[in-house]
C-alpha atoms as a PDB file:
ATOM      1  CA  MET A   1      85.535  65.718-161.675  1.00  0.00           C
ATOM      2  CA  THR A   2      88.087  63.245-160.209  1.00  0.00           C
ATOM      3  CA  GLU A   3      87.233  60.460-157.748  1.00  0.00           C
ATOM      4  CA  GLU A   4      89.016  60.527-154.275  1.00  0.00           C
ATOM      5  CA  VAL A   5      91.495  57.668-154.138  1.00  0.00           C
ATOM      6  CA  TYR A   6      92.747  56.032-151.009  1.00  0.00           C
ATOM      7  CA  SER A   7      95.840  54.032-149.972  1.00  0.00           C
ATOM      8  CA  VAL A   8      95.454  50.835-148.001  1.00  0.00           C
ATOM      9  CA  GLU A   9      96.513  52.294-144.822  1.00  0.00           C
ATOM     10  CA  GLN A  10      93.949  55.193-145.048  1.00  0.00           C
ATOM     11  CA  VAL A  11      91.124  52.471-146.086  1.00  0.00           C
ATOM     12  CA  ALA A  12      92.286  50.503-142.852  1.00  0.00           C
ATOM     13  CA  ASP A  13      92.073  53.641-140.805  1.00  0.00           C
ATOM     14  CA  ARG A  14      88.620  54.299-142.191  1.00  0.00           C
ATOM     15  CA  LEU A  15      87.345  50.904-141.611  1.00  0.00           C
ATOM     16  CA  ASN A  16      88.938  50.268-138.284  1.00  0.00           C
ATOM     17  CA  LEU A  17      90.589  47.276-139.783  1.00  0.00           C
ATOM     18  CA  HIS A  18      94.260  46.042-139.812  1.00  0.00           C
ATOM     19  CA  VAL A  19      96.259  46.749-142.978  1.00  0.00           C
ATOM     20  CA  ARG A  20      96.679  43.060-143.669  1.00  0.00           C
ATOM     21  CA  THR A  21      92.924  42.569-143.671  1.00  0.00           C
ATOM     22  CA  VAL A  22      92.438  45.206-146.268  1.00  0.00           C
ATOM     23  CA  ARG A  23      95.407  43.625-148.341  1.00  0.00           C
ATOM     24  CA  GLY A  24      93.451  40.324-148.179  1.00  0.00           C
ATOM     25  CA  TYR A  25      90.240  41.738-149.117  1.00  0.00           C
ATOM     26  CA  ILE A  26      92.101  43.315-152.212  1.00  0.00           C
ATOM     27  CA  ARG A  27      93.758  39.954-153.120  1.00  0.00           C
ATOM     28  CA  SER A  28      90.574  37.843-152.580  1.00  0.00           C
ATOM     29  CA  GLY A  29      88.712  40.401-154.924  1.00  0.00           C
ATOM     30  CA  ARG A  30      86.326  41.382-152.269  1.00  0.00           C
ATOM     31  CA  LEU A  31      87.680  45.040-152.620  1.00  0.00           C
ATOM     32  CA  ARG A  32      88.673  46.460-156.095  1.00  0.00           C
ATOM     33  CA  ALA A  33      92.135  48.296-156.239  1.00  0.00           C
ATOM     34  CA  VAL A  34      94.799  49.364-158.707  1.00  0.00           C
ATOM     35  CA  ARG A  35      98.284  48.630-158.135  1.00  0.00           C
ATOM     36  CA  ILE A  36     100.631  51.245-158.799  1.00  0.00           C
ATOM     37  CA  GLY A  37     104.163  50.284-158.452  1.00  0.00           C
ATOM     38  CA  LYS A  38     104.335  48.316-155.146  1.00  0.00           C
ATOM     39  CA  GLN A  39     101.209  49.998-153.818  1.00  0.00           C
ATOM     40  CA  TYR A  40      97.281  49.721-153.922  1.00  0.00           C
ATOM     41  CA  ARG A  41      94.927  52.383-154.508  1.00  0.00           C
ATOM     42  CA  ILE A  42      91.320  52.214-153.780  1.00  0.00           C
ATOM     43  CA  THR A  43      88.647  54.474-155.329  1.00  0.00           C
ATOM     44  CA  ALA A  44      86.010  56.070-153.182  1.00  0.00           C
ATOM     45  CA  GLY A  45      83.437  54.263-155.293  1.00  0.00           C
ATOM     46  CA  ASP A  46      85.158  50.878-154.650  1.00  0.00           C
ATOM     47  CA  LEU A  47      85.363  51.702-151.014  1.00  0.00           C
ATOM     48  CA  ASP A  48      81.447  52.510-150.996  1.00  0.00           C
ATOM     49  CA  ALA A  49      80.767  49.076-152.859  1.00  0.00           C
ATOM     50  CA  LEU A  50      82.698  47.281-150.062  1.00  0.00           C
ATOM     51  CA  THR A  51      80.735  49.001-147.082  1.00  0.00           C
ATOM     52  CA  GLY A  52      77.521  48.990-148.889  1.00  0.00           C
ATOM     53  CA  GLN A  53      77.101  52.678-149.127  1.00  0.00           C
ATOM     54  CA  THR A  54      75.515  54.054-152.297  1.00  0.00           C
ATOM     55  CA  THR A  55      77.411  56.882-154.455  1.00  0.00           C
ATOM     56  CA  PRO A  56      75.360  59.854-154.778  1.00  0.00           C
ATOM     57  CA  GLY A  57      73.208  59.911-157.798  1.00  0.00           C
ATOM     58  CA  VAL A  58      73.247  56.251-158.086  1.00  0.00           C
ATOM     59  CA  ALA A  59      69.952  54.420-157.246  1.00  0.00           C
ATOM     60  CA  ARG A  60      69.941  51.137-155.582  1.00  0.00           C
ATOM     61  CA  GLN A  61      68.382  48.260-157.574  1.00  0.00           C
ATOM     62  CA  ALA A  62      67.348  44.870-156.622  1.00  0.00           C
ATOM     63  CA  GLU A  63      67.237  41.844-158.918  1.00  0.00           C
ATOM     64  CA  VAL A  64      65.394  38.485-158.385  1.00  0.00           C
ATOM     65  CA  SER A  65      65.973  35.354-160.314  1.00  0.00           C
ATOM     66  CA  SER A  66      63.475  32.557-160.269  1.00  0.00           C
ATOM     67  CA  ILE A  67      63.103  29.203-161.805  1.00  0.00           C
ATOM     68  CA  VAL A  68      59.847  27.546-162.077  1.00  0.00           C
ATOM     69  CA  GLY A  69      59.463  23.939-162.766  1.00  0.00           C
ATOM     70  CA  VAL A  70      56.239  22.532-164.133  1.00  0.00           C
ATOM     71  CA  ASP A  71      55.987  18.516-164.646  1.00  0.00           C
ATOM     72  CA  GLY A  72      53.515  16.698-166.665  1.00  0.00           C
ATOM     73  CA  VAL A  73      52.782  19.167-169.306  1.00  0.00           C
ATOM     74  CA  ASP A  74      52.922  18.346-173.185  1.00  0.00           C
ATOM     75  CA  ARG A  75      54.378  20.594-175.945  1.00  0.00           C
ATOM     76  CA  ALA A  76      51.127  22.242-176.768  1.00  0.00           C
ATOM     77  CA  ALA A  77      50.421  23.168-172.966  1.00  0.00           C
ATOM     78  CA  ALA A  78      54.069  24.501-172.713  1.00  0.00           C
ATOM     79  CA  ASP A  79      53.726  26.532-175.630  1.00  0.00           C
ATOM     80  CA  ARG A  80      50.462  28.098-174.319  1.00  0.00           C
ATOM     81  CA  LEU A  81      51.916  28.766-170.841  1.00  0.00           C
ATOM     82  CA  GLY A  82      55.239  30.009-172.324  1.00  0.00           C
ATOM     83  CA  THR A  83      53.048  32.515-174.554  1.00  0.00           C
ATOM     84  CA  LEU A  84      51.266  33.813-171.298  1.00  0.00           C
ATOM     85  CA  VAL A  85      54.211  34.353-169.337  1.00  0.00           C
ATOM     86  CA  LEU A  86      56.082  36.087-172.177  1.00  0.00           C
ATOM     87  CA  THR A  87      52.963  38.257-172.869  1.00  0.00           C
ATOM     88  CA  SER A  88      52.526  39.265-169.253  1.00  0.00           C
ATOM     89  CA  ALA A  89      56.274  40.049-168.637  1.00  0.00           C
ATOM     90  CA  ASN A  90      56.370  42.113-171.754  1.00  0.00           C
ATOM     91  CA  THR A  91      53.195  44.225-170.518  1.00  0.00           C
ATOM     92  CA  GLY A  92      52.484  46.649-167.923  1.00  0.00           C
ATOM     93  CA  HIS A  93      55.817  46.770-166.371  1.00  0.00           C
ATOM     94  CA  ASP A  94      58.389  49.491-166.195  1.00  0.00           C
ATOM     95  CA  GLN A  95      60.243  49.258-169.428  1.00  0.00           C
ATOM     96  CA  ALA A  96      63.270  50.811-167.791  1.00  0.00           C
ATOM     97  CA  SER A  97      63.965  47.607-166.109  1.00  0.00           C
ATOM     98  CA  PRO A  98      62.056  44.977-168.043  1.00  0.00           C
ATOM     99  CA  LEU A  99      61.605  41.333-166.784  1.00  0.00           C
ATOM    100  CA  ARG A 100      63.552  38.808-168.705  1.00  0.00           C
ATOM    101  CA  VAL A 101      62.029  35.550-169.269  1.00  0.00           C
ATOM    102  CA  GLN A 102      63.027  32.197-170.769  1.00  0.00           C
ATOM    103  CA  THR A 103      61.317  28.884-171.289  1.00  0.00           C
ATOM    104  CA  VAL A 104      62.899  25.712-171.814  1.00  0.00           C
ATOM    105  CA  TYR A 105      60.687  22.367-172.507  1.00  0.00           C
ATOM    106  CA  ASP A 106      62.075  18.754-172.103  1.00  0.00           C
ATOM    107  CA  GLU A 107      60.146  16.691-174.431  1.00  0.00           C
ATOM    108  CA  GLN A 108      61.209  13.131-173.016  1.00  0.00           C
ATOM    109  CA  ARG A 109      60.582  14.307-169.288  1.00  0.00           C
ATOM    110  CA  HIS A 110      57.383  16.523-170.320  1.00  0.00           C
ATOM    111  CA  ARG A 111      58.796  19.038-168.121  1.00  0.00           C
ATOM    112  CA  MET A 112      58.941  22.721-168.492  1.00  0.00           C
ATOM    113  CA  LYS A 113      61.261  25.439-166.846  1.00  0.00           C
ATOM    114  CA  ILE A 114      60.623  28.934-166.723  1.00  0.00           C
ATOM    115  CA  ILE A 115      63.402  31.127-165.754  1.00  0.00           C
ATOM    116  CA  ILE A 116      62.471  34.683-164.563  1.00  0.00           C
ATOM    117  CA  LEU A 117      65.036  37.733-163.898  1.00  0.00           C
ATOM    118  CA  GLY A 118      63.905  41.165-162.879  1.00  0.00           C
ATOM    119  CA  ASP A 119      62.543  43.369-160.344  1.00  0.00           C
ATOM    120  CA  PRO A 120      60.963  41.802-157.118  1.00  0.00           C
ATOM    121  CA  ALA A 121      57.519  43.387-157.540  1.00  0.00           C
ATOM    122  CA  ALA A 122      57.107  42.511-161.128  1.00  0.00           C
ATOM    123  CA  THR A 123      58.509  38.943-160.684  1.00  0.00           C
ATOM    124  CA  ALA A 124      56.329  38.462-157.641  1.00  0.00           C
ATOM    125  CA  GLU A 125      53.307  39.508-159.919  1.00  0.00           C
ATOM    126  CA  LEU A 126      54.173  37.057-162.655  1.00  0.00           C
ATOM    127  CA  LEU A 127      54.777  34.220-160.151  1.00  0.00           C
ATOM    128  CA  HIS A 128      51.071  34.920-158.716  1.00  0.00           C
ATOM    129  CA  LEU A 129      49.881  34.662-162.242  1.00  0.00           C
ATOM    130  CA  LEU A 130      51.637  31.299-162.801  1.00  0.00           C
ATOM    131  CA  ASP A 131      50.367  29.997-159.452  1.00  0.00           C
ATOM    132  CA  ALA A 132      46.578  31.017-160.492  1.00  0.00           C
ATOM    133  CA  VAL A 133      47.185  29.405-164.014  1.00  0.00           C
ATOM    134  CA  LEU A 134      48.731  26.232-162.591  1.00  0.00           C
ATOM    135  CA  ASN A 135      46.470  25.673-159.640  1.00  0.00           C
ATOM    136  CA  ALA A 136      43.179  26.826-161.385  1.00  0.00           C
ATOM    137  CA  GLY A 137      41.865  23.346-161.823  1.00  0.00           C
ATOM    138  CA  ASN A 138      39.966  24.389-164.854  1.00  0.00           C
ATOM    139  CA  GLY A 139      42.001  22.506-167.529  1.00  0.00           C
ATOM    140  CA  LEU A 140      43.593  25.636-168.868  1.00  0.00           C
ATOM    141  CA  LEU A 141      46.858  23.788-169.761  1.00  0.00           C
ATOM    142  CA  ASP A 142      45.071  20.530-170.730  1.00  0.00           C
ATOM    143  CA  ARG A 143      42.840  22.201-173.229  1.00  0.00           C
ATOM    144  CA  GLU A 144      43.277  21.377-176.951  1.00  0.00           C
ATOM    145  CA  VAL A 145      43.309  24.387-179.301  1.00  0.00           C
ATOM    146  CA  HIS A 146      40.813  24.150-182.261  1.00  0.00           C
ATOM    147  CA  ASP A 147      41.221  26.195-185.430  1.00  0.00           C
ATOM    148  CA  ALA A 148      38.076  28.387-185.681  1.00  0.00           C
END
């Protein structure tokens, strides 16, 4: 099955724009096009991407990125918090679109950063968990771990 292809003039006509505007979109990278000789050709999928329309059979997907900074934590607390976050991110979520989590600890500043990428609902759930742990006031992050 071949995808429909349009000229710059056809795209300008469809979008009710001037031809120079469409060429400007192409030059700036806003609209993908293939140059054939001295003319551009735009696929229907690239035109849909410009206008925000979805292609049939392709589901719309949103992704959220979040960076959480946690100050005043020592290495042990950062390790416990990192384990909690990574465990939560890897359980109970849609495995087709998993959360991606990375943690970074700065020893000199006693600062931890947690970077979360993923589905908005799953990210929100993880952020609620972080909020509950960080604001619990029960010393969860300050507790020393003793071997049993």
